C-alpha atoms as a PDB file:
ATOM      1  CA  MET A   1      -0.030   0.039   0.038  1.00  0.00           C
ATOM      2  CA  LYS A   2       2.920   2.655   0.723  1.00  0.00           C
ATOM      3  CA  PHE A   3       4.262   1.787  -2.797  1.00  0.00           C
ATOM      4  CA  ILE A   4       0.965   2.700  -4.532  1.00  0.00           C
ATOM      5  CA  LYS A   5       0.980   5.959  -2.133  1.00  0.00           C
ATOM      6  CA  PHE A   6       4.501   6.754  -2.955  1.00  0.00           C
ATOM      7  CA  PHE A   7       3.620   6.312  -7.046  1.00  0.00           C
ATOM      8  CA  PHE A   8       0.347   8.455  -6.671  1.00  0.00           C
ATOM      9  CA  ILE A   9       2.818  10.852  -5.124  1.00  0.00           C
ATOM     10  CA  ILE A  10       5.347  10.737  -7.586  1.00  0.00           C
ATOM     11  CA  PHE A  11       2.458  10.894 -10.249  1.00  0.00           C
ATOM     12  CA  ILE A  12       0.574  13.784  -8.884  1.00  0.00           C
ATOM     13  CA  THR A  13       3.945  15.745  -8.956  1.00  0.00           C
ATOM     14  CA  PHE A  14       4.415  15.535 -12.264  1.00  0.00           C
ATOM     15  CA  PRO A  15       4.479  18.667 -14.795  1.00  0.00           C
ATOM     16  CA  SER A  16       1.290  18.766 -16.473  1.00  0.00           C
ATOM     17  CA  SER A  17       3.214  18.352 -19.811  1.00  0.00           C
ATOM     18  CA  ILE A  18       3.684  14.778 -18.708  1.00  0.00           C
ATOM     19  CA  LYS A  19       0.251  14.151 -17.631  1.00  0.00           C
ATOM     20  CA  ALA A  20      -0.530  15.907 -20.974  1.00  0.00           C
ATOM     21  CA  ASP A  21       1.564  13.435 -22.971  1.00  0.00           C
ATOM     22  CA  LEU A  22      -0.253  10.583 -20.925  1.00  0.00           C
ATOM     23  CA  ASN A  23      -3.609  12.175 -21.844  1.00  0.00           C
ATOM     24  CA  GLN A  24      -2.230  12.155 -25.663  1.00  0.00           C
ATOM     25  CA  GLU A  25      -1.357   8.618 -25.928  1.00  0.00           C
ATOM     26  CA  LEU A  26      -4.982   7.555 -24.599  1.00  0.00           C
ATOM     27  CA  SER A  27      -6.839   9.593 -27.207  1.00  0.00           C
ATOM     28  CA  LEU A  28      -4.490   8.001 -29.780  1.00  0.00           C
ATOM     29  CA  GLU A  29      -5.511   4.358 -28.491  1.00  0.00           C
ATOM     30  CA  LEU A  30      -9.024   5.599 -28.306  1.00  0.00           C
ATOM     31  CA  LYS A  31      -9.038   6.387 -31.694  1.00  0.00           C
ATOM     32  CA  LYS A  32      -7.821   2.905 -32.772  1.00  0.00           C
ATOM     33  CA  GLY A  33     -11.345   2.024 -31.952  1.00  0.00           C
ATOM     34  CA  GLY A  34     -12.774  -1.060 -30.397  1.00  0.00           C
ATOM     35  CA  LYS A  35     -12.539   0.241 -26.293  1.00  0.00           C
ATOM     36  CA  LEU A  36     -14.605   0.028 -23.462  1.00  0.00           C
ATOM     37  CA  ILE A  37     -14.915   3.552 -22.325  1.00  0.00           C
ATOM     38  CA  PHE A  38     -16.452   3.752 -18.912  1.00  0.00           C
ATOM     39  CA  ILE A  39     -17.227   7.319 -17.211  1.00  0.00           C
ATOM     40  CA  ARG A  40     -18.147   7.577 -13.613  1.00  0.00           C
ATOM     41  CA  HIS A  41     -21.206  10.232 -13.742  1.00  0.00           C
ATOM     42  CA  ALA A  42     -19.861  13.754 -13.181  1.00  0.00           C
ATOM     43  CA  TYR A  43     -19.621  15.352  -9.576  1.00  0.00           C
ATOM     44  CA  ALA A  44     -22.927  14.891  -7.665  1.00  0.00           C
ATOM     45  CA  PRO A  45     -22.196  15.874  -3.800  1.00  0.00           C
ATOM     46  CA  GLY A  46     -22.698  13.509  -1.280  1.00  0.00           C
ATOM     47  CA  GLY A  47     -22.490   9.380  -1.305  1.00  0.00           C
ATOM     48  CA  GLY A  48     -25.474   6.971  -2.054  1.00  0.00           C
ATOM     49  CA  ASP A  49     -28.721   7.661  -2.711  1.00  0.00           C
ATOM     50  CA  PRO A  50     -31.504   8.898   0.061  1.00  0.00           C
ATOM     51  CA  GLU A  51     -33.791   6.474   2.058  1.00  0.00           C
ATOM     52  CA  ASN A  52     -36.739   7.663  -0.496  1.00  0.00           C
ATOM     53  CA  PHE A  53     -34.623   6.894  -3.492  1.00  0.00           C
ATOM     54  CA  ASP A  54     -37.374   6.655  -6.369  1.00  0.00           C
ATOM     55  CA  ILE A  55     -35.542   5.902 -10.236  1.00  0.00           C
ATOM     56  CA  ASN A  56     -38.348   7.529 -11.675  1.00  0.00           C
ATOM     57  CA  ASN A  57     -38.077  10.879  -9.751  1.00  0.00           C
ATOM     58  CA  CYS A  58     -34.903  12.716  -9.854  1.00  0.00           C
ATOM     59  CA  ASP A  59     -35.823  15.150  -7.000  1.00  0.00           C
ATOM     60  CA  THR A  60     -35.542  11.717  -4.819  1.00  0.00           C
ATOM     61  CA  GLN A  61     -31.863  11.091  -5.916  1.00  0.00           C
ATOM     62  CA  ARG A  62     -28.307  12.280  -5.618  1.00  0.00           C
ATOM     63  CA  ASN A  63     -27.811  14.612  -8.295  1.00  0.00           C
ATOM     64  CA  LEU A  64     -25.177  16.346 -10.457  1.00  0.00           C
ATOM     65  CA  SER A  65     -24.061  19.956  -8.740  1.00  0.00           C
ATOM     66  CA  GLU A  66     -23.510  23.137 -11.079  1.00  0.00           C
ATOM     67  CA  GLU A  67     -19.543  21.909 -10.906  1.00  0.00           C
ATOM     68  CA  GLY A  68     -20.888  18.336 -12.022  1.00  0.00           C
ATOM     69  CA  ARG A  69     -22.624  19.894 -15.163  1.00  0.00           C
ATOM     70  CA  ASN A  70     -19.381  21.866 -16.025  1.00  0.00           C
ATOM     71  CA  GLN A  71     -17.569  18.758 -15.792  1.00  0.00           C
ATOM     72  CA  ALA A  72     -19.772  16.445 -17.971  1.00  0.00           C
ATOM     73  CA  LYS A  73     -19.663  19.161 -20.448  1.00  0.00           C
ATOM     74  CA  LYS A  74     -15.983  19.105 -20.288  1.00  0.00           C
ATOM     75  CA  ILE A  75     -16.056  15.119 -20.939  1.00  0.00           C
ATOM     76  CA  GLY A  76     -17.863  15.595 -23.941  1.00  0.00           C
ATOM     77  CA  ASN A  77     -15.539  18.249 -24.959  1.00  0.00           C
ATOM     78  CA  PHE A  78     -12.488  15.778 -24.684  1.00  0.00           C
ATOM     79  CA  PHE A  79     -13.977  13.483 -27.257  1.00  0.00           C
ATOM     80  CA  LYS A  80     -14.927  16.174 -29.642  1.00  0.00           C
ATOM     81  CA  ASP A  81     -11.482  17.919 -29.403  1.00  0.00           C
ATOM     82  CA  ASN A  82      -9.691  14.310 -29.561  1.00  0.00           C
ATOM     83  CA  ASP A  83     -11.931  13.469 -32.895  1.00  0.00           C
ATOM     84  CA  VAL A  84     -12.803  10.056 -30.833  1.00  0.00           C
ATOM     85  CA  GLN A  85     -15.108   8.041 -32.913  1.00  0.00           C
ATOM     86  CA  ILE A  86     -18.175   6.525 -30.488  1.00  0.00           C
ATOM     87  CA  PHE A  87     -20.577   4.053 -31.583  1.00  0.00           C
ATOM     88  CA  LYS A  88     -23.101   4.165 -28.800  1.00  0.00           C
ATOM     89  CA  VAL A  89     -23.236   5.579 -25.229  1.00  0.00           C
ATOM     90  CA  PHE A  90     -25.053   4.134 -22.583  1.00  0.00           C
ATOM     91  CA  SER A  91     -26.267   5.334 -19.403  1.00  0.00           C
ATOM     92  CA  SER A  92     -27.426   4.061 -15.946  1.00  0.00           C
ATOM     93  CA  GLU A  93     -30.827   4.655 -15.211  1.00  0.00           C
ATOM     94  CA  TRP A  94     -30.173   7.052 -12.284  1.00  0.00           C
ATOM     95  CA  CYS A  95     -30.645  10.589 -13.143  1.00  0.00           C
ATOM     96  CA  ARG A  96     -26.860  11.777 -12.284  1.00  0.00           C
ATOM     97  CA  CYS A  97     -25.543   9.246 -14.979  1.00  0.00           C
ATOM     98  CA  LYS A  98     -28.350  10.283 -17.905  1.00  0.00           C
ATOM     99  CA  GLU A  99     -27.658  13.823 -17.071  1.00  0.00           C
ATOM    100  CA  THR A 100     -23.820  13.265 -17.647  1.00  0.00           C
ATOM    101  CA  ALA A 101     -24.613  11.328 -20.763  1.00  0.00           C
ATOM    102  CA  LYS A 102     -27.057  14.153 -21.900  1.00  0.00           C
ATOM    103  CA  LEU A 103     -24.605  16.835 -21.400  1.00  0.00           C
ATOM    104  CA  ALA A 104     -21.545  15.348 -22.575  1.00  0.00           C
ATOM    105  CA  PHE A 105     -22.943  13.341 -25.594  1.00  0.00           C
ATOM    106  CA  THR A 106     -26.682  14.212 -25.932  1.00  0.00           C
ATOM    107  CA  ASN A 107     -27.760  10.908 -27.362  1.00  0.00           C
ATOM    108  CA  PHE A 108     -27.613   7.761 -25.220  1.00  0.00           C
ATOM    109  CA  GLU A 109     -29.445   4.732 -23.992  1.00  0.00           C
ATOM    110  CA  THR A 110     -30.131   3.354 -20.922  1.00  0.00           C
ATOM    111  CA  LYS A 111     -29.352  -0.424 -19.570  1.00  0.00           C
ATOM    112  CA  ASP A 112     -30.194  -1.390 -16.239  1.00  0.00           C
ATOM    113  CA  PHE A 113     -27.156  -3.679 -15.864  1.00  0.00           C
ATOM    114  CA  LEU A 114     -24.864   0.076 -15.588  1.00  0.00           C
ATOM    115  CA  ASN A 115     -27.209   0.644 -12.421  1.00  0.00           C
ATOM    116  CA  SER A 116     -25.235   1.263  -8.986  1.00  0.00           C
ATOM    117  CA  PHE A 117     -25.766  -1.600  -6.627  1.00  0.00           C
ATOM    118  CA  PHE A 118     -23.958   0.275  -3.791  1.00  0.00           C
ATOM    119  CA  SER A 119     -26.799   0.435  -1.656  1.00  0.00           C
ATOM    120  CA  ALA A 120     -28.277  -2.536   0.261  1.00  0.00           C
ATOM    121  CA  LYS A 121     -31.607  -2.246  -1.439  1.00  0.00           C
ATOM    122  CA  PHE A 122     -29.859  -3.099  -4.684  1.00  0.00           C
ATOM    123  CA  ALA A 123     -26.682  -5.105  -3.718  1.00  0.00           C
ATOM    124  CA  ASN A 124     -28.455  -8.547  -4.742  1.00  0.00           C
ATOM    125  CA  ASN A 125     -28.261  -7.045  -8.132  1.00  0.00           C
ATOM    126  CA  LYS A 126     -24.478  -7.323  -8.735  1.00  0.00           C
ATOM    127  CA  ASN A 127     -23.790 -10.408  -9.817  1.00  0.00           C
ATOM    128  CA  LYS A 128     -26.681 -10.664 -12.468  1.00  0.00           C
ATOM    129  CA  GLN A 129     -25.542  -6.792 -13.934  1.00  0.00           C
ATOM    130  CA  MET A 130     -21.832  -7.791 -14.075  1.00  0.00           C
ATOM    131  CA  LEU A 131     -22.877 -10.849 -16.017  1.00  0.00           C
ATOM    132  CA  ASP A 132     -25.467  -8.885 -18.480  1.00  0.00           C
ATOM    133  CA  LEU A 133     -22.447  -6.374 -19.171  1.00  0.00           C
ATOM    134  CA  LYS A 134     -20.021  -9.023 -20.142  1.00  0.00           C
ATOM    135  CA  ASN A 135     -22.644 -10.825 -22.208  1.00  0.00           C
ATOM    136  CA  TYR A 136     -23.571  -7.677 -23.853  1.00  0.00           C
ATOM    137  CA  VAL A 137     -20.165  -6.763 -24.717  1.00  0.00           C
ATOM    138  CA  LYS A 138     -19.404 -10.158 -25.928  1.00  0.00           C
ATOM    139  CA  LYS A 139     -22.196  -9.673 -28.563  1.00  0.00           C
ATOM    140  CA  ILE A 140     -20.493  -6.722 -30.161  1.00  0.00           C
ATOM    141  CA  LYS A 141     -18.737  -7.071 -33.325  1.00  0.00           C
ATOM    142  CA  GLY A 142     -16.519  -4.678 -35.044  1.00  0.00           C
ATOM    143  CA  ASN A 143     -13.987  -1.841 -33.609  1.00  0.00           C
ATOM    144  CA  GLU A 144     -16.268   0.518 -32.470  1.00  0.00           C
ATOM    145  CA  ASN A 145     -15.868   2.465 -28.938  1.00  0.00           C
ATOM    146  CA  LEU A 146     -18.574   2.186 -26.497  1.00  0.00           C
ATOM    147  CA  ILE A 147     -19.321   4.520 -23.802  1.00  0.00           C
ATOM    148  CA  PHE A 148     -20.704   3.433 -20.378  1.00  0.00           C
ATOM    149  CA  VAL A 149     -21.693   6.268 -18.048  1.00  0.00           C
ATOM    150  CA  THR A 150     -22.297   4.626 -14.538  1.00  0.00           C
ATOM    151  CA  HIS A 151     -21.317   4.614 -11.137  1.00  0.00           C
ATOM    152  CA  TYR A 152     -18.053   3.899  -8.585  1.00  0.00           C
ATOM    153  CA  VAL A 153     -19.469   0.643  -8.080  1.00  0.00           C
ATOM    154  CA  VAL A 154     -19.934  -0.944 -11.569  1.00  0.00           C
ATOM    155  CA  ILE A 155     -16.378   0.346 -12.642  1.00  0.00           C
ATOM    156  CA  SER A 156     -15.016  -0.846  -9.441  1.00  0.00           C
ATOM    157  CA  GLU A 157     -16.144  -4.444  -9.718  1.00  0.00           C
ATOM    158  CA  ALA A 158     -15.819  -4.586 -13.920  1.00  0.00           C
ATOM    159  CA  LEU A 159     -12.124  -3.129 -14.000  1.00  0.00           C
ATOM    160  CA  ASP A 160     -10.804  -3.500 -10.419  1.00  0.00           C
ATOM    161  CA  TYR A 161     -10.295   0.050 -10.274  1.00  0.00           C
ATOM    162  CA  ALA A 162     -11.438   3.074  -7.906  1.00  0.00           C
ATOM    163  CA  PRO A 163     -12.536   5.937 -10.214  1.00  0.00           C
ATOM    164  CA  SER A 164     -12.982   9.774  -9.332  1.00  0.00           C
ATOM    165  CA  SER A 165     -16.408  11.566 -10.375  1.00  0.00           C
ATOM    166  CA  GLY A 166     -16.374  12.224 -14.167  1.00  0.00           C
ATOM    167  CA  GLU A 167     -12.963   9.765 -14.585  1.00  0.00           C
ATOM    168  CA  ILE A 168     -12.693   8.293 -18.007  1.00  0.00           C
ATOM    169  CA  VAL A 169     -11.365   4.759 -17.701  1.00  0.00           C
ATOM    170  CA  ILE A 170     -10.400   2.903 -20.653  1.00  0.00           C
ATOM    171  CA  ALA A 171     -10.422  -0.687 -20.970  1.00  0.00           C
ATOM    172  CA  ASP A 172     -10.272  -3.111 -23.986  1.00  0.00           C
ATOM    173  CA  LYS A 173     -13.143  -5.815 -24.939  1.00  0.00           C
ATOM    174  CA  ASN A 174     -11.906  -8.340 -22.108  1.00  0.00           C
ATOM    175  CA  PHE A 175     -11.938  -5.422 -19.474  1.00  0.00           C
ATOM    176  CA  LYS A 176      -8.460  -5.026 -18.738  1.00  0.00           C
ATOM    177  CA  LYS A 177      -7.852  -1.668 -17.921  1.00  0.00           C
ATOM    178  CA  ILE A 178      -5.849   0.698 -20.472  1.00  0.00           C
ATOM    179  CA  GLY A 179      -5.528   3.637 -18.552  1.00  0.00           C
ATOM    180  CA  SER A 180      -7.624   6.734 -17.282  1.00  0.00           C
ATOM    181  CA  ILE A 181      -8.186  10.288 -17.770  1.00  0.00           C
ATOM    182  CA  GLU A 182      -9.721  12.533 -14.980  1.00  0.00           C
ATOM    183  CA  ILE A 183     -11.692  15.402 -15.855  1.00  0.00           C
ATOM    184  CA  ASP A 184     -11.590  18.499 -13.742  1.00  0.00           C
ATOM    185  CA  PHE A 185     -14.676  20.496 -13.154  1.00  0.00           C
END
C-alpha cells in the first residue's frame, strides 16, 4: 500500500506536460477503436442515495451540482476535441448518469446493467448486472468504441479500479484497464 501511495504522490507531482502526454497517448489509443470507455458520472455531492430514492423521480436522488454539469460538458469536449469516434453511449438509469450522458454526448440509451448496486436495496443485483454487461460486450462485433456512463461500484467491479467523479476509464473488450483520464470540474 505504501508503494502505491508513493507512486501516486510521484504522479501528481509530474509536470502537467507529462500528464498531457499521457492523455495524448490514451486519446490515440481511443482513435484505434474497439475500446470500452467507462465514465463515472460527473460530480454529484454526497454519497449513495437518500432513503426515499425513486428511480423515476430525480428529485429523490443525488444529482449533479453546477460543477458536475460543467464537468460533464468538459467530458464531451474531450471526445470532440480529440476526434474520438463513438459507436454508442449507454447510461445507468440513475438521473446523475443520464444527465452526465446528455450533457456530454446528447444521445444515449439506458441499460439497467449499468445501475448502481451500492445500497443494500440493490446489492443483490450485482452478479446479474456484471454478467449482463459482459454478455452484452461479447455480442458487439467490430472495432467501435462503446461508452458506459455509470457508477463507482460498477467500474470498480468490472475493472478492479476506483474512479473519481467524471473520470474516463479505458479498457479493452476483455475488461483489461488500459488507462484513465481525469476531467476537472
